[in-house]
Amino acid sequence: MARSSYLFTSESVSEGHPDKVCDRISDEIVDLVFREAKKAGMDPSRVRIACETLATTNRVIIAGEVRVPETLLKRARTALSSRTPLAIRW
């Protein structure tokens, strides 16, 4: 494809922007599931997780899907609910 036949764009937001906050929440959840899978001795290639976080005024919605054994899912839920909120600079 010739360079003149397409337009490249990118987006950048500053720290504390809701998009960055949502990305950190999603990343933490994905990392948590993989950490718990490793502790359980599960092969990481068997873990399937998709996580999206949406935020608006006074509301955060976490959506996605996780495919792991039920025992791991229960442990991940417990670990996630017991964690302190992320330290995010505004």
PDB file of N, CA and C in Angstrom:
ATOM      1  N   MET A   1       0.854  -1.178   0.000  1.00  0.00           N
ATOM      2  CA  MET A   1       0.000   0.000   0.000  1.00  0.00           C
ATOM      3  C   MET A   1       0.893   1.233   0.000  1.00  0.00           C
ATOM      4  N   ALA A   2       0.665   2.102  -0.939  1.00  0.00           N
ATOM      5  CA  ALA A   2       1.453   3.336  -1.023  1.00  0.00           C
ATOM      6  C   ALA A   2       1.133   4.241   0.156  1.00  0.00           C
ATOM      7  N   ARG A   3       2.145   4.902   0.668  1.00  0.00           N
ATOM      8  CA  ARG A   3       1.993   5.755   1.840  1.00  0.00           C
ATOM      9  C   ARG A   3       0.946   6.853   1.629  1.00  0.00           C
ATOM     10  N   SER A   4       0.776   7.311   0.436  1.00  0.00           N
ATOM     11  CA  SER A   4      -0.177   8.394   0.166  1.00  0.00           C
ATOM     12  C   SER A   4      -1.626   7.913   0.137  1.00  0.00           C
ATOM     13  N   SER A   5      -1.875   6.594   0.217  1.00  0.00           N
ATOM     14  CA  SER A   5      -3.238   6.092   0.090  1.00  0.00           C
ATOM     15  C   SER A   5      -3.941   5.832   1.423  1.00  0.00           C
ATOM     16  N   TYR A   6      -3.314   6.188   2.540  1.00  0.00           N
ATOM     17  CA  TYR A   6      -4.001   6.024   3.817  1.00  0.00           C
ATOM     18  C   TYR A   6      -3.612   7.147   4.769  1.00  0.00           C
ATOM     19  N   LEU A   7      -4.423   7.314   5.805  1.00  0.00           N
ATOM     20  CA  LEU A   7      -4.206   8.375   6.795  1.00  0.00           C
ATOM     21  C   LEU A   7      -3.963   7.723   8.141  1.00  0.00           C
ATOM     22  N   PHE A   8      -2.861   8.057   8.786  1.00  0.00           N
ATOM     23  CA  PHE A   8      -2.542   7.525  10.105  1.00  0.00           C
ATOM     24  C   PHE A   8      -2.948   8.552  11.155  1.00  0.00           C
ATOM     25  N   THR A   9      -3.697   8.107  12.163  1.00  0.00           N
ATOM     26  CA  THR A   9      -4.068   8.986  13.276  1.00  0.00           C
ATOM     27  C   THR A   9      -3.785   8.259  14.581  1.00  0.00           C
ATOM     28  N   SER A  10      -3.657   9.010  15.649  1.00  0.00           N
ATOM     29  CA  SER A  10      -3.488   8.408  16.969  1.00  0.00           C
ATOM     30  C   SER A  10      -4.097   9.338  18.007  1.00  0.00           C
ATOM     31  N   GLU A  11      -4.350   8.764  19.174  1.00  0.00           N
ATOM     32  CA  GLU A  11      -4.979   9.512  20.250  1.00  0.00           C
ATOM     33  C   GLU A  11      -4.076   9.439  21.477  1.00  0.00           C
ATOM     34  N   SER A  12      -4.010  10.511  22.222  1.00  0.00           N
ATOM     35  CA  SER A  12      -3.221  10.525  23.447  1.00  0.00           C
ATOM     36  C   SER A  12      -4.008  11.277  24.514  1.00  0.00           C
ATOM     37  N   VAL A  13      -4.079  10.691  25.706  1.00  0.00           N
ATOM     38  CA  VAL A  13      -4.764  11.357  26.814  1.00  0.00           C
ATOM     39  C   VAL A  13      -3.809  11.431  27.994  1.00  0.00           C
ATOM     40  N   SER A  14      -4.022  12.391  28.857  1.00  0.00           N
ATOM     41  CA  SER A  14      -3.117  12.587  29.993  1.00  0.00           C
ATOM     42  C   SER A  14      -3.476  11.648  31.143  1.00  0.00           C
ATOM     43  N   GLU A  15      -2.524  11.514  32.088  1.00  0.00           N
ATOM     44  CA  GLU A  15      -2.735  10.658  33.252  1.00  0.00           C
ATOM     45  C   GLU A  15      -3.948  11.148  34.038  1.00  0.00           C
ATOM     46  N   GLY A  16      -4.751  10.220  34.517  1.00  0.00           N
ATOM     47  CA  GLY A  16      -5.953  10.572  35.262  1.00  0.00           C
ATOM     48  C   GLY A  16      -7.190  10.686  34.393  1.00  0.00           C
ATOM     49  N   HIS A  17      -7.018  10.674  33.083  1.00  0.00           N
ATOM     50  CA  HIS A  17      -8.154  10.722  32.163  1.00  0.00           C
ATOM     51  C   HIS A  17      -8.959   9.430  32.338  1.00  0.00           C
ATOM     52  N   PRO A  18     -10.282   9.490  32.246  1.00  0.00           N
ATOM     53  CA  PRO A  18     -11.101   8.280  32.433  1.00  0.00           C
ATOM     54  C   PRO A  18     -10.676   7.098  31.564  1.00  0.00           C
ATOM     55  N   ASP A  19     -10.204   7.337  30.344  1.00  0.00           N
ATOM     56  CA  ASP A  19      -9.741   6.230  29.494  1.00  0.00           C
ATOM     57  C   ASP A  19      -8.553   5.516  30.128  1.00  0.00           C
ATOM     58  N   LYS A  20      -7.630   6.273  30.688  1.00  0.00           N
ATOM     59  CA  LYS A  20      -6.455   5.667  31.336  1.00  0.00           C
ATOM     60  C   LYS A  20      -6.863   4.915  32.598  1.00  0.00           C
ATOM     61  N   VAL A  21      -7.789   5.486  33.362  1.00  0.00           N
ATOM     62  CA  VAL A  21      -8.272   4.829  34.582  1.00  0.00           C
ATOM     63  C   VAL A  21      -8.931   3.504  34.219  1.00  0.00           C
ATOM     64  N   CYS A  22      -9.775   3.508  33.213  1.00  0.00           N
ATOM     65  CA  CYS A  22     -10.445   2.279  32.772  1.00  0.00           C
ATOM     66  C   CYS A  22      -9.440   1.243  32.294  1.00  0.00           C
ATOM     67  N   ASP A  23      -8.424   1.674  31.561  1.00  0.00           N
ATOM     68  CA  ASP A  23      -7.395   0.742  31.100  1.00  0.00           C
ATOM     69  C   ASP A  23      -6.662   0.107  32.272  1.00  0.00           C
ATOM     70  N   ARG A  24      -6.381   0.882  33.310  1.00  0.00           N
ATOM     71  CA  ARG A  24      -5.677   0.332  34.478  1.00  0.00           C
ATOM     72  C   ARG A  24      -6.531  -0.691  35.203  1.00  0.00           C
ATOM     73  N   ILE A  25      -7.813  -0.426  35.315  1.00  0.00           N
ATOM     74  CA  ILE A  25      -8.720  -1.377  35.974  1.00  0.00           C
ATOM     75  C   ILE A  25      -8.766  -2.683  35.184  1.00  0.00           C
ATOM     76  N   SER A  26      -8.958  -2.577  33.874  1.00  0.00           N
ATOM     77  CA  SER A  26      -9.007  -3.782  33.025  1.00  0.00           C
ATOM     78  C   SER A  26      -7.702  -4.561  33.098  1.00  0.00           C
ATOM     79  N   ASP A  27      -6.581  -3.858  33.022  1.00  0.00           N
ATOM     80  CA  ASP A  27      -5.271  -4.520  33.091  1.00  0.00           C
ATOM     81  C   ASP A  27      -5.082  -5.254  34.413  1.00  0.00           C
ATOM     82  N   GLU A  28      -5.517  -4.640  35.501  1.00  0.00           N
ATOM     83  CA  GLU A  28      -5.370  -5.258  36.817  1.00  0.00           C
ATOM     84  C   GLU A  28      -6.185  -6.554  36.911  1.00  0.00           C
ATOM     85  N   ILE A  29      -7.372  -6.540  36.349  1.00  0.00           N
ATOM     86  CA  ILE A  29      -8.225  -7.731  36.375  1.00  0.00           C
ATOM     87  C   ILE A  29      -7.604  -8.855  35.553  1.00  0.00           C
ATOM     88  N   VAL A  30      -7.113  -8.535  34.363  1.00  0.00           N
ATOM     89  CA  VAL A  30      -6.471  -9.541  33.516  1.00  0.00           C
ATOM     90  C   VAL A  30      -5.238 -10.112  34.219  1.00  0.00           C
ATOM     91  N   ASP A  31      -4.410  -9.235  34.786  1.00  0.00           N
ATOM     92  CA  ASP A  31      -3.219  -9.693  35.507  1.00  0.00           C
ATOM     93  C   ASP A  31      -3.592 -10.581  36.685  1.00  0.00           C
ATOM     94  N   LEU A  32      -4.636 -10.210  37.399  1.00  0.00           N
ATOM     95  CA  LEU A  32      -5.084 -10.995  38.547  1.00  0.00           C
ATOM     96  C   LEU A  32      -5.487 -12.416  38.136  1.00  0.00           C
ATOM     97  N   VAL A  33      -6.233 -12.536  37.074  1.00  0.00           N
ATOM     98  CA  VAL A  33      -6.669 -13.856  36.617  1.00  0.00           C
ATOM     99  C   VAL A  33      -5.464 -14.716  36.233  1.00  0.00           C
ATOM    100  N   PHE A  34      -4.499 -14.123  35.532  1.00  0.00           N
ATOM    101  CA  PHE A  34      -3.314 -14.898  35.156  1.00  0.00           C
ATOM    102  C   PHE A  34      -2.465 -15.258  36.374  1.00  0.00           C
ATOM    103  N   ARG A  35      -2.345 -14.361  37.358  1.00  0.00           N
ATOM    104  CA  ARG A  35      -1.612 -14.683  38.588  1.00  0.00           C
ATOM    105  C   ARG A  35      -2.265 -15.844  39.326  1.00  0.00           C
ATOM    106  N   GLU A  36      -3.588 -15.797  39.443  1.00  0.00           N
ATOM    107  CA  GLU A  36      -4.312 -16.867  40.137  1.00  0.00           C
ATOM    108  C   GLU A  36      -4.195 -18.186  39.379  1.00  0.00           C
ATOM    109  N   ALA A  37      -4.216 -18.129  38.054  1.00  0.00           N
ATOM    110  CA  ALA A  37      -4.062 -19.345  37.252  1.00  0.00           C
ATOM    111  C   ALA A  37      -2.682 -19.951  37.479  1.00  0.00           C
ATOM    112  N   LYS A  38      -1.669 -19.101  37.545  1.00  0.00           N
ATOM    113  CA  LYS A  38      -0.312 -19.598  37.785  1.00  0.00           C
ATOM    114  C   LYS A  38      -0.212 -20.247  39.159  1.00  0.00           C
ATOM    115  N   LYS A  39      -0.812 -19.609  40.190  1.00  0.00           N
ATOM    116  CA  LYS A  39      -0.803 -20.175  41.544  1.00  0.00           C
ATOM    117  C   LYS A  39      -1.489 -21.540  41.569  1.00  0.00           C
ATOM    118  N   ALA A  40      -2.526 -21.697  40.764  1.00  0.00           N
ATOM    119  CA  ALA A  40      -3.282 -22.949  40.729  1.00  0.00           C
ATOM    120  C   ALA A  40      -2.594 -24.008  39.865  1.00  0.00           C
ATOM    121  N   GLY A  41      -1.463 -23.639  39.252  1.00  0.00           N
ATOM    122  CA  GLY A  41      -0.741 -24.584  38.413  1.00  0.00           C
ATOM    123  C   GLY A  41      -1.372 -24.797  37.055  1.00  0.00           C
ATOM    124  N   MET A  42      -2.188 -23.848  36.641  1.00  0.00           N
ATOM    125  CA  MET A  42      -2.887 -23.969  35.367  1.00  0.00           C
ATOM    126  C   MET A  42      -2.003 -23.486  34.220  1.00  0.00           C
ATOM    127  N   ASP A  43      -2.087 -24.158  33.099  1.00  0.00           N
ATOM    128  CA  ASP A  43      -1.354 -23.751  31.911  1.00  0.00           C
ATOM    129  C   ASP A  43      -1.927 -22.419  31.422  1.00  0.00           C
ATOM    130  N   PRO A  44      -1.099 -21.354  31.318  1.00  0.00           N
ATOM    131  CA  PRO A  44      -1.598 -20.044  30.893  1.00  0.00           C
ATOM    132  C   PRO A  44      -2.276 -20.055  29.524  1.00  0.00           C
ATOM    133  N   SER A  45      -1.915 -21.007  28.674  1.00  0.00           N
ATOM    134  CA  SER A  45      -2.540 -21.056  27.350  1.00  0.00           C
ATOM    135  C   SER A  45      -4.002 -21.480  27.419  1.00  0.00           C
ATOM    136  N   ARG A  46      -4.442 -22.021  28.579  1.00  0.00           N
ATOM    137  CA  ARG A  46      -5.846 -22.419  28.744  1.00  0.00           C
ATOM    138  C   ARG A  46      -6.711 -21.276  29.273  1.00  0.00           C
ATOM    139  N   VAL A  47      -6.086 -20.182  29.692  1.00  0.00           N
ATOM    140  CA  VAL A  47      -6.828 -19.037  30.235  1.00  0.00           C
ATOM    141  C   VAL A  47      -7.315 -18.171  29.081  1.00  0.00           C
ATOM    142  N   ARG A  48      -8.590 -17.825  29.132  1.00  0.00           N
ATOM    143  CA  ARG A  48      -9.169 -16.910  28.149  1.00  0.00           C
ATOM    144  C   ARG A  48      -9.874 -15.808  28.923  1.00  0.00           C
ATOM    145  N   ILE A  49      -9.459 -14.573  28.704  1.00  0.00           N
ATOM    146  CA  ILE A  49     -10.093 -13.455  29.403  1.00  0.00           C
ATOM    147  C   ILE A  49     -10.164 -12.251  28.483  1.00  0.00           C
ATOM    148  N   ALA A  50     -11.309 -11.604  28.507  1.00  0.00           N
ATOM    149  CA  ALA A  50     -11.514 -10.345  27.805  1.00  0.00           C
ATOM    150  C   ALA A  50     -12.181  -9.407  28.809  1.00  0.00           C
ATOM    151  N   CYS A  51     -11.611  -8.248  29.009  1.00  0.00           N
ATOM    152  CA  CYS A  51     -12.135  -7.340  30.021  1.00  0.00           C
ATOM    153  C   CYS A  51     -12.176  -5.922  29.478  1.00  0.00           C
ATOM    154  N   GLU A  52     -13.289  -5.281  29.640  1.00  0.00           N
ATOM    155  CA  GLU A  52     -13.465  -3.886  29.234  1.00  0.00           C
ATOM    156  C   GLU A  52     -14.083  -3.137  30.400  1.00  0.00           C
ATOM    157  N   THR A  53     -13.571  -1.961  30.674  1.00  0.00           N
ATOM    158  CA  THR A  53     -14.092  -1.141  31.757  1.00  0.00           C
ATOM    159  C   THR A  53     -14.624   0.156  31.164  1.00  0.00           C
ATOM    160  N   LEU A  54     -15.835   0.516  31.585  1.00  0.00           N
ATOM    161  CA  LEU A  54     -16.485   1.739  31.120  1.00  0.00           C
ATOM    162  C   LEU A  54     -16.745   2.621  32.330  1.00  0.00           C
ATOM    163  N   ALA A  55     -16.560   3.909  32.190  1.00  0.00           N
ATOM    164  CA  ALA A  55     -16.777   4.806  33.323  1.00  0.00           C
ATOM    165  C   ALA A  55     -17.545   6.048  32.897  1.00  0.00           C
ATOM    166  N   THR A  56     -18.380   6.491  33.807  1.00  0.00           N
ATOM    167  CA  THR A  56     -19.090   7.750  33.652  1.00  0.00           C
ATOM    168  C   THR A  56     -19.214   8.336  35.055  1.00  0.00           C
ATOM    169  N   THR A  57     -19.888   9.416  35.208  1.00  0.00           N
ATOM    170  CA  THR A  57     -19.998  10.062  36.505  1.00  0.00           C
ATOM    171  C   THR A  57     -20.576   9.109  37.543  1.00  0.00           C
ATOM    172  N   ASN A  58     -19.799   8.865  38.605  1.00  0.00           N
ATOM    173  CA  ASN A  58     -20.206   8.019  39.734  1.00  0.00           C
ATOM    174  C   ASN A  58     -20.566   6.583  39.359  1.00  0.00           C
ATOM    175  N   ARG A  59     -20.042   6.078  38.261  1.00  0.00           N
ATOM    176  CA  ARG A  59     -20.362   4.714  37.863  1.00  0.00           C
ATOM    177  C   ARG A  59     -19.217   4.102  37.064  1.00  0.00           C
ATOM    178  N   VAL A  60     -18.866   2.871  37.414  1.00  0.00           N
ATOM    179  CA  VAL A  60     -17.877   2.104  36.667  1.00  0.00           C
ATOM    180  C   VAL A  60     -18.497   0.756  36.349  1.00  0.00           C
ATOM    181  N   ILE A  61     -18.419   0.356  35.097  1.00  0.00           N
ATOM    182  CA  ILE A  61     -18.977  -0.923  34.660  1.00  0.00           C
ATOM    183  C   ILE A  61     -17.840  -1.774  34.106  1.00  0.00           C
ATOM    184  N   ILE A  62     -17.741  -2.999  34.623  1.00  0.00           N
ATOM    185  CA  ILE A  62     -16.726  -3.936  34.149  1.00  0.00           C
ATOM    186  C   ILE A  62     -17.450  -5.031  33.385  1.00  0.00           C
ATOM    187  N   ALA A  63     -17.058  -5.214  32.132  1.00  0.00           N
ATOM    188  CA  ALA A  63     -17.722  -6.196  31.272  1.00  0.00           C
ATOM    189  C   ALA A  63     -16.670  -7.098  30.638  1.00  0.00           C
ATOM    190  N   GLY A  64     -17.102  -8.281  30.244  1.00  0.00           N
ATOM    191  CA  GLY A  64     -16.181  -9.167  29.555  1.00  0.00           C
ATOM    192  C   GLY A  64     -16.518 -10.614  29.798  1.00  0.00           C
ATOM    193  N   GLU A  65     -15.552 -11.468  29.514  1.00  0.00           N
ATOM    194  CA  GLU A  65     -15.750 -12.890  29.741  1.00  0.00           C
ATOM    195  C   GLU A  65     -14.444 -13.522  30.199  1.00  0.00           C
ATOM    196  N   VAL A  66     -14.596 -14.576  30.990  1.00  0.00           N
ATOM    197  CA  VAL A  66     -13.451 -15.312  31.511  1.00  0.00           C
ATOM    198  C   VAL A  66     -13.727 -16.794  31.326  1.00  0.00           C
ATOM    199  N   ARG A  67     -12.756 -17.506  30.810  1.00  0.00           N
ATOM    200  CA  ARG A  67     -12.888 -18.966  30.669  1.00  0.00           C
ATOM    201  C   ARG A  67     -11.735 -19.624  31.410  1.00  0.00           C
ATOM    202  N   VAL A  68     -12.050 -20.066  32.607  1.00  0.00           N
ATOM    203  CA  VAL A  68     -11.111 -20.794  33.463  1.00  0.00           C
ATOM    204  C   VAL A  68     -11.916 -21.818  34.249  1.00  0.00           C
ATOM    205  N   PRO A  69     -11.268 -22.776  34.902  1.00  0.00           N
ATOM    206  CA  PRO A  69     -12.019 -23.704  35.753  1.00  0.00           C
ATOM    207  C   PRO A  69     -12.768 -22.947  36.856  1.00  0.00           C
ATOM    208  N   GLU A  70     -13.918 -23.449  37.240  1.00  0.00           N
ATOM    209  CA  GLU A  70     -14.771 -22.787  38.243  1.00  0.00           C
ATOM    210  C   GLU A  70     -14.038 -22.517  39.556  1.00  0.00           C
ATOM    211  N   THR A  71     -13.187 -23.423  39.977  1.00  0.00           N
ATOM    212  CA  THR A  71     -12.460 -23.219  41.243  1.00  0.00           C
ATOM    213  C   THR A  71     -11.566 -21.994  41.158  1.00  0.00           C
ATOM    214  N   LEU A  72     -10.941 -21.792  40.023  1.00  0.00           N
ATOM    215  CA  LEU A  72     -10.096 -20.610  39.841  1.00  0.00           C
ATOM    216  C   LEU A  72     -10.932 -19.348  39.803  1.00  0.00           C
ATOM    217  N   LEU A  73     -12.083 -19.403  39.168  1.00  0.00           N
ATOM    218  CA  LEU A  73     -12.950 -18.236  39.070  1.00  0.00           C
ATOM    219  C   LEU A  73     -13.393 -17.781  40.453  1.00  0.00           C
ATOM    220  N   LYS A  74     -13.748 -18.720  41.333  1.00  0.00           N
ATOM    221  CA  LYS A  74     -14.155 -18.364  42.693  1.00  0.00           C
ATOM    222  C   LYS A  74     -13.011 -17.699  43.442  1.00  0.00           C
ATOM    223  N   ARG A  75     -11.790 -18.229  43.288  1.00  0.00           N
ATOM    224  CA  ARG A  75     -10.634 -17.636  43.957  1.00  0.00           C
ATOM    225  C   ARG A  75     -10.347 -16.238  43.432  1.00  0.00           C
ATOM    226  N   ALA A  76     -10.462 -16.038  42.128  1.00  0.00           N
ATOM    227  CA  ALA A  76     -10.194 -14.728  41.530  1.00  0.00           C
ATOM    228  C   ALA A  76     -11.209 -13.699  42.008  1.00  0.00           C
ATOM    229  N   ARG A  77     -12.478 -14.093  42.100  1.00  0.00           N
ATOM    230  CA  ARG A  77     -13.508 -13.175  42.606  1.00  0.00           C
ATOM    231  C   ARG A  77     -13.197 -12.745  44.033  1.00  0.00           C
ATOM    232  N   THR A  78     -12.812 -13.702  44.863  1.00  0.00           N
ATOM    233  CA  THR A  78     -12.483 -13.409  46.255  1.00  0.00           C
ATOM    234  C   THR A  78     -11.282 -12.479  46.336  1.00  0.00           C
ATOM    235  N   ALA A  79     -10.250 -12.776  45.566  1.00  0.00           N
ATOM    236  CA  ALA A  79      -9.049 -11.953  45.583  1.00  0.00           C
ATOM    237  C   ALA A  79      -9.347 -10.539  45.091  1.00  0.00           C
ATOM    238  N   LEU A  80     -10.152 -10.427  44.058  1.00  0.00           N
ATOM    239  CA  LEU A  80     -10.480  -9.110  43.510  1.00  0.00           C
ATOM    240  C   LEU A  80     -11.299  -8.292  44.486  1.00  0.00           C
ATOM    241  N   SER A  81     -12.277  -8.914  45.136  1.00  0.00           N
ATOM    242  CA  SER A  81     -13.144  -8.168  46.045  1.00  0.00           C
ATOM    243  C   SER A  81     -12.423  -7.763  47.317  1.00  0.00           C
ATOM    244  N   SER A  82     -11.338  -8.460  47.681  1.00  0.00           N
ATOM    245  CA  SER A  82     -10.638  -8.138  48.916  1.00  0.00           C
ATOM    246  C   SER A  82      -9.531  -7.115  48.717  1.00  0.00           C
ATOM    247  N   ARG A  83      -9.223  -6.779  47.484  1.00  0.00           N
ATOM    248  CA  ARG A  83      -8.153  -5.824  47.210  1.00  0.00           C
ATOM    249  C   ARG A  83      -8.611  -4.400  47.493  1.00  0.00           C
ATOM    250  N   THR A  84      -7.679  -3.591  47.910  1.00  0.00           N
ATOM    251  CA  THR A  84      -7.988  -2.169  48.089  1.00  0.00           C
ATOM    252  C   THR A  84      -8.073  -1.525  46.719  1.00  0.00           C
ATOM    253  N   PRO A  85      -8.814  -0.422  46.600  1.00  0.00           N
ATOM    254  CA  PRO A  85      -8.935   0.239  45.300  1.00  0.00           C
ATOM    255  C   PRO A  85      -7.568   0.652  44.767  1.00  0.00           C
ATOM    256  N   LEU A  86      -7.465   0.729  43.461  1.00  0.00           N
ATOM    257  CA  LEU A  86      -6.224   1.162  42.837  1.00  0.00           C
ATOM    258  C   LEU A  86      -5.860   2.568  43.249  1.00  0.00           C
ATOM    259  N   ALA A  87      -4.611   2.807  43.475  1.00  0.00           N
ATOM    260  CA  ALA A  87      -4.151   4.166  43.777  1.00  0.00           C
ATOM    261  C   ALA A  87      -3.972   4.881  42.455  1.00  0.00           C
ATOM    262  N   ILE A  88      -4.857   5.783  42.155  1.00  0.00           N
ATOM    263  CA  ILE A  88      -4.833   6.489  40.881  1.00  0.00           C
ATOM    264  C   ILE A  88      -4.709   7.989  41.154  1.00  0.00           C
ATOM    265  N   ARG A  89      -3.703   8.583  40.537  1.00  0.00           N
ATOM    266  CA  ARG A  89      -3.543  10.028  40.697  1.00  0.00           C
ATOM    267  C   ARG A  89      -4.498  10.743  39.753  1.00  0.00           C
ATOM    268  N   TRP A  90      -5.217  11.685  40.252  1.00  0.00           N
ATOM    269  CA  TRP A  90      -6.152  12.456  39.435  1.00  0.00           C
ATOM    270  C   TRP A  90      -5.528  13.725  38.988  1.00  0.00           C
TER     271      TRP A  90
END
